[in-house]
Amino acid sequence: MPRNPSRPGPEQARIQREALYAGLADGSIGIADGVRRMRHISGLTQPEFARHRGISVQALRQIESGAGNPTAATLDAIGAVFGLRTGFVPRNDLT
């Protein structure tokens, strides 16, 4: 995905949201990639998305790079616009 993609059209956004939800549900998408995808679906830059979600740009950058340790409240603020909330999901790597 490009760093600052243009906002996808309604149909493309729907497809991307469905892929996001499926990947989060099956555990193939982690927090960093999930947050990045949410921002790309929104068509916003990091500063725009951070401001829109009420978090700092630095926090968003750390989350997207996988280096952050966000609180549940921060993740809820990010995911709320996509109808998501923080919760436990089954791990697929346990055998």
PDB file of N, CA and C in Angstrom:
ATOM      1  N   MET A   1       0.837  -1.180   0.000  1.00  0.00           N
ATOM      2  CA  MET A   1       0.000   0.000   0.000  1.00  0.00           C
ATOM      3  C   MET A   1       0.882   1.245   0.000  1.00  0.00           C
ATOM      4  N   PRO A   2       0.499   2.272  -0.738  1.00  0.00           N
ATOM      5  CA  PRO A   2       1.249   3.521  -0.705  1.00  0.00           C
ATOM      6  C   PRO A   2       1.175   4.160   0.684  1.00  0.00           C
ATOM      7  N   ARG A   3       2.131   5.024   0.990  1.00  0.00           N
ATOM      8  CA  ARG A   3       2.173   5.691   2.307  1.00  0.00           C
ATOM      9  C   ARG A   3       0.933   6.535   2.553  1.00  0.00           C
ATOM     10  N   ASN A   4       0.580   7.373   1.617  1.00  0.00           N
ATOM     11  CA  ASN A   4      -0.565   8.263   1.758  1.00  0.00           C
ATOM     12  C   ASN A   4      -1.481   8.108   0.558  1.00  0.00           C
ATOM     13  N   PRO A   5      -2.213   7.015   0.528  1.00  0.00           N
ATOM     14  CA  PRO A   5      -3.064   6.761  -0.631  1.00  0.00           C
ATOM     15  C   PRO A   5      -4.245   7.712  -0.681  1.00  0.00           C
ATOM     16  N   SER A   6      -4.781   7.865  -1.886  1.00  0.00           N
ATOM     17  CA  SER A   6      -5.998   8.655  -1.997  1.00  0.00           C
ATOM     18  C   SER A   6      -7.139   7.837  -1.391  1.00  0.00           C
ATOM     19  N   ARG A   7      -8.167   8.529  -1.001  1.00  0.00           N
ATOM     20  CA  ARG A   7      -9.318   7.852  -0.394  1.00  0.00           C
ATOM     21  C   ARG A   7      -9.946   6.917  -1.423  1.00  0.00           C
ATOM     22  N   PRO A   8     -10.157   5.644  -1.045  1.00  0.00           N
ATOM     23  CA  PRO A   8     -10.767   4.722  -2.005  1.00  0.00           C
ATOM     24  C   PRO A   8     -12.230   5.073  -2.249  1.00  0.00           C
ATOM     25  N   GLY A   9     -12.729   4.684  -3.398  1.00  0.00           N
ATOM     26  CA  GLY A   9     -14.140   4.862  -3.687  1.00  0.00           C
ATOM     27  C   GLY A   9     -14.973   3.975  -2.769  1.00  0.00           C
ATOM     28  N   PRO A  10     -16.283   4.188  -2.738  1.00  0.00           N
ATOM     29  CA  PRO A  10     -17.140   3.432  -1.816  1.00  0.00           C
ATOM     30  C   PRO A  10     -17.033   1.915  -1.962  1.00  0.00           C
ATOM     31  N   GLU A  11     -17.004   1.423  -3.177  1.00  0.00           N
ATOM     32  CA  GLU A  11     -16.935  -0.031  -3.384  1.00  0.00           C
ATOM     33  C   GLU A  11     -15.578  -0.576  -2.954  1.00  0.00           C
ATOM     34  N   GLN A  12     -14.506   0.128  -3.319  1.00  0.00           N
ATOM     35  CA  GLN A  12     -13.166  -0.308  -2.930  1.00  0.00           C
ATOM     36  C   GLN A  12     -13.011  -0.240  -1.413  1.00  0.00           C
ATOM     37  N   ALA A  13     -13.555   0.784  -0.782  1.00  0.00           N
ATOM     38  CA  ALA A  13     -13.492   0.903   0.679  1.00  0.00           C
ATOM     39  C   ALA A  13     -14.237  -0.256   1.340  1.00  0.00           C
ATOM     40  N   ARG A  14     -15.385  -0.631   0.784  1.00  0.00           N
ATOM     41  CA  ARG A  14     -16.153  -1.761   1.327  1.00  0.00           C
ATOM     42  C   ARG A  14     -15.338  -3.042   1.246  1.00  0.00           C
ATOM     43  N   ILE A  15     -14.703  -3.273   0.102  1.00  0.00           N
ATOM     44  CA  ILE A  15     -13.884  -4.468  -0.086  1.00  0.00           C
ATOM     45  C   ILE A  15     -12.718  -4.468   0.907  1.00  0.00           C
ATOM     46  N   GLN A  16     -12.071  -3.320   1.056  1.00  0.00           N
ATOM     47  CA  GLN A  16     -10.941  -3.223   1.982  1.00  0.00           C
ATOM     48  C   GLN A  16     -11.385  -3.417   3.431  1.00  0.00           C
ATOM     49  N   ARG A  17     -12.551  -2.859   3.802  1.00  0.00           N
ATOM     50  CA  ARG A  17     -13.080  -3.062   5.160  1.00  0.00           C
ATOM     51  C   ARG A  17     -13.387  -4.526   5.417  1.00  0.00           C
ATOM     52  N   GLU A  18     -14.006  -5.194   4.447  1.00  0.00           N
ATOM     53  CA  GLU A  18     -14.320  -6.615   4.614  1.00  0.00           C
ATOM     54  C   GLU A  18     -13.043  -7.436   4.780  1.00  0.00           C
ATOM     55  N   ALA A  19     -12.009  -7.113   3.999  1.00  0.00           N
ATOM     56  CA  ALA A  19     -10.724  -7.817   4.123  1.00  0.00           C
ATOM     57  C   ALA A  19     -10.094  -7.525   5.487  1.00  0.00           C
ATOM     58  N   LEU A  20     -10.212  -6.290   5.957  1.00  0.00           N
ATOM     59  CA  LEU A  20      -9.697  -5.929   7.280  1.00  0.00           C
ATOM     60  C   LEU A  20     -10.403  -6.740   8.358  1.00  0.00           C
ATOM     61  N   TYR A  21     -11.730  -6.755   8.339  1.00  0.00           N
ATOM     62  CA  TYR A  21     -12.500  -7.483   9.345  1.00  0.00           C
ATOM     63  C   TYR A  21     -12.166  -8.971   9.315  1.00  0.00           C
ATOM     64  N   ALA A  22     -12.064  -9.534   8.130  1.00  0.00           N
ATOM     65  CA  ALA A  22     -11.742 -10.960   8.017  1.00  0.00           C
ATOM     66  C   ALA A  22     -10.346 -11.251   8.555  1.00  0.00           C
ATOM     67  N   GLY A  23      -9.377 -10.415   8.215  1.00  0.00           N
ATOM     68  CA  GLY A  23      -8.014 -10.610   8.686  1.00  0.00           C
ATOM     69  C   GLY A  23      -7.883 -10.445  10.186  1.00  0.00           C
ATOM     70  N   LEU A  24      -8.617  -9.498  10.759  1.00  0.00           N
ATOM     71  CA  LEU A  24      -8.597  -9.332  12.210  1.00  0.00           C
ATOM     72  C   LEU A  24      -9.254 -10.538  12.887  1.00  0.00           C
ATOM     73  N   ALA A  25     -10.351 -11.008  12.315  1.00  0.00           N
ATOM     74  CA  ALA A  25     -11.071 -12.141  12.897  1.00  0.00           C
ATOM     75  C   ALA A  25     -10.256 -13.428  12.875  1.00  0.00           C
ATOM     76  N   ASP A  26      -9.509 -13.639  11.789  1.00  0.00           N
ATOM     77  CA  ASP A  26      -8.749 -14.898  11.710  1.00  0.00           C
ATOM     78  C   ASP A  26      -7.323 -14.756  12.229  1.00  0.00           C
ATOM     79  N   GLY A  27      -6.964 -13.565  12.694  1.00  0.00           N
ATOM     80  CA  GLY A  27      -5.654 -13.364  13.293  1.00  0.00           C
ATOM     81  C   GLY A  27      -4.518 -13.146  12.314  1.00  0.00           C
ATOM     82  N   SER A  28      -4.830 -13.019  11.029  1.00  0.00           N
ATOM     83  CA  SER A  28      -3.762 -12.834  10.043  1.00  0.00           C
ATOM     84  C   SER A  28      -3.304 -11.380   9.948  1.00  0.00           C
ATOM     85  N   ILE A  29      -4.062 -10.467  10.550  1.00  0.00           N
ATOM     86  CA  ILE A  29      -3.693  -9.053  10.584  1.00  0.00           C
ATOM     87  C   ILE A  29      -3.491  -8.668  12.038  1.00  0.00           C
ATOM     88  N   GLY A  30      -2.323  -8.136  12.348  1.00  0.00           N
ATOM     89  CA  GLY A  30      -2.022  -7.685  13.696  1.00  0.00           C
ATOM     90  C   GLY A  30      -2.401  -6.228  13.888  1.00  0.00           C
ATOM     91  N   ILE A  31      -2.093  -5.716  15.058  1.00  0.00           N
ATOM     92  CA  ILE A  31      -2.474  -4.345  15.397  1.00  0.00           C
ATOM     93  C   ILE A  31      -1.841  -3.328  14.455  1.00  0.00           C
ATOM     94  N   ALA A  32      -0.518  -3.434  14.250  1.00  0.00           N
ATOM     95  CA  ALA A  32       0.171  -2.442  13.415  1.00  0.00           C
ATOM     96  C   ALA A  32      -0.420  -2.389  12.014  1.00  0.00           C
ATOM     97  N   ASP A  33      -0.560  -3.546  11.385  1.00  0.00           N
ATOM     98  CA  ASP A  33      -1.103  -3.590  10.024  1.00  0.00           C
ATOM     99  C   ASP A  33      -2.574  -3.184  10.013  1.00  0.00           C
ATOM    100  N   GLY A  34      -3.324  -3.586  11.028  1.00  0.00           N
ATOM    101  CA  GLY A  34      -4.736  -3.237  11.093  1.00  0.00           C
ATOM    102  C   GLY A  34      -4.951  -1.733  11.190  1.00  0.00           C
ATOM    103  N   VAL A  35      -4.172  -1.074  12.042  1.00  0.00           N
ATOM    104  CA  VAL A  35      -4.291   0.378  12.191  1.00  0.00           C
ATOM    105  C   VAL A  35      -3.882   1.073  10.896  1.00  0.00           C
ATOM    106  N   ARG A  36      -2.806   0.610  10.286  1.00  0.00           N
ATOM    107  CA  ARG A  36      -2.348   1.189   9.013  1.00  0.00           C
ATOM    108  C   ARG A  36      -3.432   1.038   7.951  1.00  0.00           C
ATOM    109  N   ARG A  37      -4.054  -0.125   7.892  1.00  0.00           N
ATOM    110  CA  ARG A  37      -5.121  -0.352   6.903  1.00  0.00           C
ATOM    111  C   ARG A  37      -6.321   0.553   7.160  1.00  0.00           C
ATOM    112  N   MET A  38      -6.664   0.744   8.441  1.00  0.00           N
ATOM    113  CA  MET A  38      -7.779   1.638   8.762  1.00  0.00           C
ATOM    114  C   MET A  38      -7.486   3.049   8.261  1.00  0.00           C
ATOM    115  N   ARG A  39      -6.262   3.489   8.488  1.00  0.00           N
ATOM    116  CA  ARG A  39      -5.885   4.829   8.028  1.00  0.00           C
ATOM    117  C   ARG A  39      -5.927   4.917   6.514  1.00  0.00           C
ATOM    118  N   HIS A  40      -5.432   3.895   5.823  1.00  0.00           N
ATOM    119  CA  HIS A  40      -5.434   3.908   4.352  1.00  0.00           C
ATOM    120  C   HIS A  40      -6.859   3.884   3.806  1.00  0.00           C
ATOM    121  N   ILE A  41      -7.722   3.087   4.422  1.00  0.00           N
ATOM    122  CA  ILE A  41      -9.123   3.060   3.987  1.00  0.00           C
ATOM    123  C   ILE A  41      -9.744   4.445   4.161  1.00  0.00           C
ATOM    124  N   SER A  42      -9.344   5.130   5.223  1.00  0.00           N
ATOM    125  CA  SER A  42      -9.844   6.486   5.477  1.00  0.00           C
ATOM    126  C   SER A  42      -9.280   7.500   4.498  1.00  0.00           C
ATOM    127  N   GLY A  43      -8.151   7.162   3.852  1.00  0.00           N
ATOM    128  CA  GLY A  43      -7.518   8.071   2.909  1.00  0.00           C
ATOM    129  C   GLY A  43      -6.853   9.255   3.590  1.00  0.00           C
ATOM    130  N   LEU A  44      -6.407   9.067   4.838  1.00  0.00           N
ATOM    131  CA  LEU A  44      -5.826  10.155   5.607  1.00  0.00           C
ATOM    132  C   LEU A  44      -4.328   9.941   5.825  1.00  0.00           C
ATOM    133  N   THR A  45      -3.610  11.045   5.983  1.00  0.00           N
ATOM    134  CA  THR A  45      -2.208  10.974   6.363  1.00  0.00           C
ATOM    135  C   THR A  45      -2.144  10.625   7.855  1.00  0.00           C
ATOM    136  N   GLN A  46      -0.954  10.313   8.332  1.00  0.00           N
ATOM    137  CA  GLN A  46      -0.816  10.023   9.760  1.00  0.00           C
ATOM    138  C   GLN A  46      -1.260  11.207  10.624  1.00  0.00           C
ATOM    139  N   PRO A  47      -0.806  12.442  10.332  1.00  0.00           N
ATOM    140  CA  PRO A  47      -1.264  13.566  11.164  1.00  0.00           C
ATOM    141  C   PRO A  47      -2.784  13.768  11.125  1.00  0.00           C
ATOM    142  N   GLU A  48      -3.385  13.605   9.955  1.00  0.00           N
ATOM    143  CA  GLU A  48      -4.835  13.769   9.836  1.00  0.00           C
ATOM    144  C   GLU A  48      -5.578  12.692  10.618  1.00  0.00           C
ATOM    145  N   PHE A  49      -5.139  11.438  10.470  1.00  0.00           N
ATOM    146  CA  PHE A  49      -5.802  10.323  11.152  1.00  0.00           C
ATOM    147  C   PHE A  49      -5.641  10.460  12.665  1.00  0.00           C
ATOM    148  N   ALA A  50      -4.441  10.809  13.117  1.00  0.00           N
ATOM    149  CA  ALA A  50      -4.193  10.977  14.552  1.00  0.00           C
ATOM    150  C   ALA A  50      -5.102  12.061  15.122  1.00  0.00           C
ATOM    151  N   ARG A  51      -5.176  13.185  14.447  1.00  0.00           N
ATOM    152  CA  ARG A  51      -6.030  14.293  14.904  1.00  0.00           C
ATOM    153  C   ARG A  51      -7.500  13.850  14.926  1.00  0.00           C
ATOM    154  N   HIS A  52      -7.930  13.157  13.893  1.00  0.00           N
ATOM    155  CA  HIS A  52      -9.318  12.690  13.791  1.00  0.00           C
ATOM    156  C   HIS A  52      -9.662  11.723  14.915  1.00  0.00           C
ATOM    157  N   ARG A  53      -8.700  10.885  15.325  1.00  0.00           N
ATOM    158  CA  ARG A  53      -8.950   9.883  16.354  1.00  0.00           C
ATOM    159  C   ARG A  53      -8.579  10.368  17.755  1.00  0.00           C
ATOM    160  N   GLY A  54      -8.015  11.583  17.855  1.00  0.00           N
ATOM    161  CA  GLY A  54      -7.710  12.149  19.164  1.00  0.00           C
ATOM    162  C   GLY A  54      -6.475  11.565  19.832  1.00  0.00           C
ATOM    163  N   ILE A  55      -5.501  11.157  19.024  1.00  0.00           N
ATOM    164  CA  ILE A  55      -4.248  10.628  19.561  1.00  0.00           C
ATOM    165  C   ILE A  55      -3.091  11.421  18.965  1.00  0.00           C
ATOM    166  N   SER A  56      -1.907  11.255  19.534  1.00  0.00           N
ATOM    167  CA  SER A  56      -0.753  11.980  19.004  1.00  0.00           C
ATOM    168  C   SER A  56      -0.219  11.287  17.752  1.00  0.00           C
ATOM    169  N   VAL A  57       0.409  12.065  16.903  1.00  0.00           N
ATOM    170  CA  VAL A  57       1.034  11.520  15.697  1.00  0.00           C
ATOM    171  C   VAL A  57       2.121  10.539  16.100  1.00  0.00           C
ATOM    172  N   GLN A  58       2.875  10.881  17.138  1.00  0.00           N
ATOM    173  CA  GLN A  58       3.945   9.993  17.598  1.00  0.00           C
ATOM    174  C   GLN A  58       3.380   8.635  18.025  1.00  0.00           C
ATOM    175  N   ALA A  59       2.275   8.643  18.754  1.00  0.00           N
ATOM    176  CA  ALA A  59       1.657   7.380  19.174  1.00  0.00           C
ATOM    177  C   ALA A  59       1.216   6.573  17.960  1.00  0.00           C
ATOM    178  N   LEU A  60       0.599   7.238  16.980  1.00  0.00           N
ATOM    179  CA  LEU A  60       0.150   6.542  15.776  1.00  0.00           C
ATOM    180  C   LEU A  60       1.333   5.940  15.027  1.00  0.00           C
ATOM    181  N   ARG A  61       2.402   6.701  14.887  1.00  0.00           N
ATOM    182  CA  ARG A  61       3.586   6.189  14.185  1.00  0.00           C
ATOM    183  C   ARG A  61       4.166   4.979  14.890  1.00  0.00           C
ATOM    184  N   GLN A  62       4.215   5.024  16.206  1.00  0.00           N
ATOM    185  CA  GLN A  62       4.738   3.883  16.956  1.00  0.00           C
ATOM    186  C   GLN A  62       3.841   2.660  16.791  1.00  0.00           C
ATOM    187  N   ILE A  63       2.542   2.873  16.836  1.00  0.00           N
ATOM    188  CA  ILE A  63       1.602   1.755  16.661  1.00  0.00           C
ATOM    189  C   ILE A  63       1.767   1.142  15.277  1.00  0.00           C
ATOM    190  N   GLU A  64       1.774   1.980  14.240  1.00  0.00           N
ATOM    191  CA  GLU A  64       1.876   1.477  12.866  1.00  0.00           C
ATOM    192  C   GLU A  64       3.210   0.786  12.607  1.00  0.00           C
ATOM    193  N   SER A  65       4.258   1.168  13.312  1.00  0.00           N
ATOM    194  CA  SER A  65       5.568   0.537  13.105  1.00  0.00           C
ATOM    195  C   SER A  65       5.720  -0.724  13.941  1.00  0.00           C
ATOM    196  N   GLY A  66       4.768  -0.984  14.833  1.00  0.00           N
ATOM    197  CA  GLY A  66       4.849  -2.153  15.691  1.00  0.00           C
ATOM    198  C   GLY A  66       5.687  -1.912  16.935  1.00  0.00           C
ATOM    199  N   ALA A  67       6.153  -0.677  17.128  1.00  0.00           N
ATOM    200  CA  ALA A  67       7.008  -0.355  18.268  1.00  0.00           C
ATOM    201  C   ALA A  67       6.222   0.206  19.446  1.00  0.00           C
ATOM    202  N   GLY A  68       4.970   0.547  19.236  1.00  0.00           N
ATOM    203  CA  GLY A  68       4.171   1.167  20.288  1.00  0.00           C
ATOM    204  C   GLY A  68       3.575   0.141  21.226  1.00  0.00           C
ATOM    205  N   ASN A  69       3.130   0.619  22.361  1.00  0.00           N
ATOM    206  CA  ASN A  69       2.442  -0.205  23.340  1.00  0.00           C
ATOM    207  C   ASN A  69       1.158   0.538  23.727  1.00  0.00           C
ATOM    208  N   PRO A  70       0.194   0.580  22.791  1.00  0.00           N
ATOM    209  CA  PRO A  70      -1.000   1.399  23.020  1.00  0.00           C
ATOM    210  C   PRO A  70      -1.895   0.830  24.106  1.00  0.00           C
ATOM    211  N   THR A  71      -2.598   1.728  24.769  1.00  0.00           N
ATOM    212  CA  THR A  71      -3.583   1.305  25.762  1.00  0.00           C
ATOM    213  C   THR A  71      -4.833   0.816  25.038  1.00  0.00           C
ATOM    214  N   ALA A  72      -5.673   0.113  25.769  1.00  0.00           N
ATOM    215  CA  ALA A  72      -6.945  -0.331  25.202  1.00  0.00           C
ATOM    216  C   ALA A  72      -7.790   0.882  24.802  1.00  0.00           C
ATOM    217  N   ALA A  73      -7.712   1.955  25.588  1.00  0.00           N
ATOM    218  CA  ALA A  73      -8.479   3.169  25.268  1.00  0.00           C
ATOM    219  C   ALA A  73      -8.020   3.769  23.943  1.00  0.00           C
ATOM    220  N   THR A  74      -6.711   3.779  23.694  1.00  0.00           N
ATOM    221  CA  THR A  74      -6.193   4.303  22.430  1.00  0.00           C
ATOM    222  C   THR A  74      -6.660   3.438  21.273  1.00  0.00           C
ATOM    223  N   LEU A  75      -6.583   2.125  21.430  1.00  0.00           N
ATOM    224  CA  LEU A  75      -7.030   1.225  20.363  1.00  0.00           C
ATOM    225  C   LEU A  75      -8.532   1.360  20.128  1.00  0.00           C
ATOM    226  N   ASP A  76      -9.291   1.545  21.193  1.00  0.00           N
ATOM    227  CA  ASP A  76     -10.732   1.756  21.037  1.00  0.00           C
ATOM    228  C   ASP A  76     -11.011   3.048  20.267  1.00  0.00           C
ATOM    229  N   ALA A  77     -10.246   4.097  20.557  1.00  0.00           N
ATOM    230  CA  ALA A  77     -10.425   5.377  19.850  1.00  0.00           C
ATOM    231  C   ALA A  77     -10.128   5.219  18.370  1.00  0.00           C
ATOM    232  N   ILE A  78      -9.109   4.448  18.058  1.00  0.00           N
ATOM    233  CA  ILE A  78      -8.738   4.225  16.659  1.00  0.00           C
ATOM    234  C   ILE A  78      -9.790   3.382  15.945  1.00  0.00           C
ATOM    235  N   GLY A  79     -10.215   2.301  16.564  1.00  0.00           N
ATOM    236  CA  GLY A  79     -11.118   1.362  15.914  1.00  0.00           C
ATOM    237  C   GLY A  79     -12.581   1.750  15.917  1.00  0.00           C
ATOM    238  N   ALA A  80     -12.956   2.708  16.752  1.00  0.00           N
ATOM    239  CA  ALA A  80     -14.379   3.043  16.905  1.00  0.00           C
ATOM    240  C   ALA A  80     -15.047   3.423  15.597  1.00  0.00           C
ATOM    241  N   VAL A  81     -14.379   4.195  14.773  1.00  0.00           N
ATOM    242  CA  VAL A  81     -14.968   4.648  13.515  1.00  0.00           C
ATOM    243  C   VAL A  81     -15.220   3.472  12.565  1.00  0.00           C
ATOM    244  N   PHE A  82     -14.533   2.354  12.802  1.00  0.00           N
ATOM    245  CA  PHE A  82     -14.734   1.154  11.987  1.00  0.00           C
ATOM    246  C   PHE A  82     -15.636   0.139  12.687  1.00  0.00           C
ATOM    247  N   GLY A  83     -16.253   0.541  13.780  1.00  0.00           N
ATOM    248  CA  GLY A  83     -17.139  -0.358  14.515  1.00  0.00           C
ATOM    249  C   GLY A  83     -16.381  -1.442  15.262  1.00  0.00           C
ATOM    250  N   LEU A  84     -15.123  -1.167  15.614  1.00  0.00           N
ATOM    251  CA  LEU A  84     -14.293  -2.147  16.305  1.00  0.00           C
ATOM    252  C   LEU A  84     -14.013  -1.703  17.730  1.00  0.00           C
ATOM    253  N   ARG A  85     -13.799  -2.671  18.602  1.00  0.00           N
ATOM    254  CA  ARG A  85     -13.369  -2.380  19.958  1.00  0.00           C
ATOM    255  C   ARG A  85     -12.308  -3.402  20.342  1.00  0.00           C
ATOM    256  N   THR A  86     -11.526  -3.051  21.331  1.00  0.00           N
ATOM    257  CA  THR A  86     -10.447  -3.910  21.776  1.00  0.00           C
ATOM    258  C   THR A  86     -11.018  -5.124  22.492  1.00  0.00           C
ATOM    259  N   GLY A  87     -10.436  -6.286  22.223  1.00  0.00           N
ATOM    260  CA  GLY A  87     -10.891  -7.505  22.893  1.00  0.00           C
ATOM    261  C   GLY A  87      -9.894  -8.628  22.687  1.00  0.00           C
ATOM    262  N   PHE A  88     -10.187  -9.726  23.290  1.00  0.00           N
ATOM    263  CA  PHE A  88      -9.357 -10.911  23.136  1.00  0.00           C
ATOM    264  C   PHE A  88      -9.810 -11.713  21.923  1.00  0.00           C
ATOM    265  N   VAL A  89      -8.867 -12.244  21.194  1.00  0.00           N
ATOM    266  CA  VAL A  89      -9.169 -13.114  20.059  1.00  0.00           C
ATOM    267  C   VAL A  89      -8.356 -14.388  20.204  1.00  0.00           C
ATOM    268  N   PRO A  90      -8.863 -15.497  19.704  1.00  0.00           N
ATOM    269  CA  PRO A  90      -8.120 -16.746  19.803  1.00  0.00           C
ATOM    270  C   PRO A  90      -6.817 -16.671  19.008  1.00  0.00           C
ATOM    271  N   ARG A  91      -5.794 -17.296  19.535  1.00  0.00           N
ATOM    272  CA  ARG A  91      -4.517 -17.361  18.829  1.00  0.00           C
ATOM    273  C   ARG A  91      -4.541 -18.555  17.880  1.00  0.00           C
ATOM    274  N   ASN A  92      -4.026 -18.334  16.691  1.00  0.00           N
ATOM    275  CA  ASN A  92      -3.973 -19.408  15.694  1.00  0.00           C
ATOM    276  C   ASN A  92      -2.649 -20.161  15.731  1.00  0.00           C
ATOM    277  N   ASP A  93      -1.669 -19.633  16.482  1.00  0.00           N
ATOM    278  CA  ASP A  93      -0.345 -20.238  16.456  1.00  0.00           C
ATOM    279  C   ASP A  93      -0.148 -21.286  17.542  1.00  0.00           C
ATOM    280  N   LEU A  94      -1.182 -21.590  18.308  1.00  0.00           N
ATOM    281  CA  LEU A  94      -1.070 -22.617  19.340  1.00  0.00           C
ATOM    282  C   LEU A  94      -1.463 -23.978  18.756  1.00  0.00           C
ATOM    283  N   THR A  95      -0.583 -24.908  18.871  1.00  0.00           N
ATOM    284  CA  THR A  95      -0.893 -26.256  18.354  1.00  0.00           C
ATOM    285  C   THR A  95      -0.632 -27.300  19.389  1.00  0.00           C
TER     286      THR A  95
END
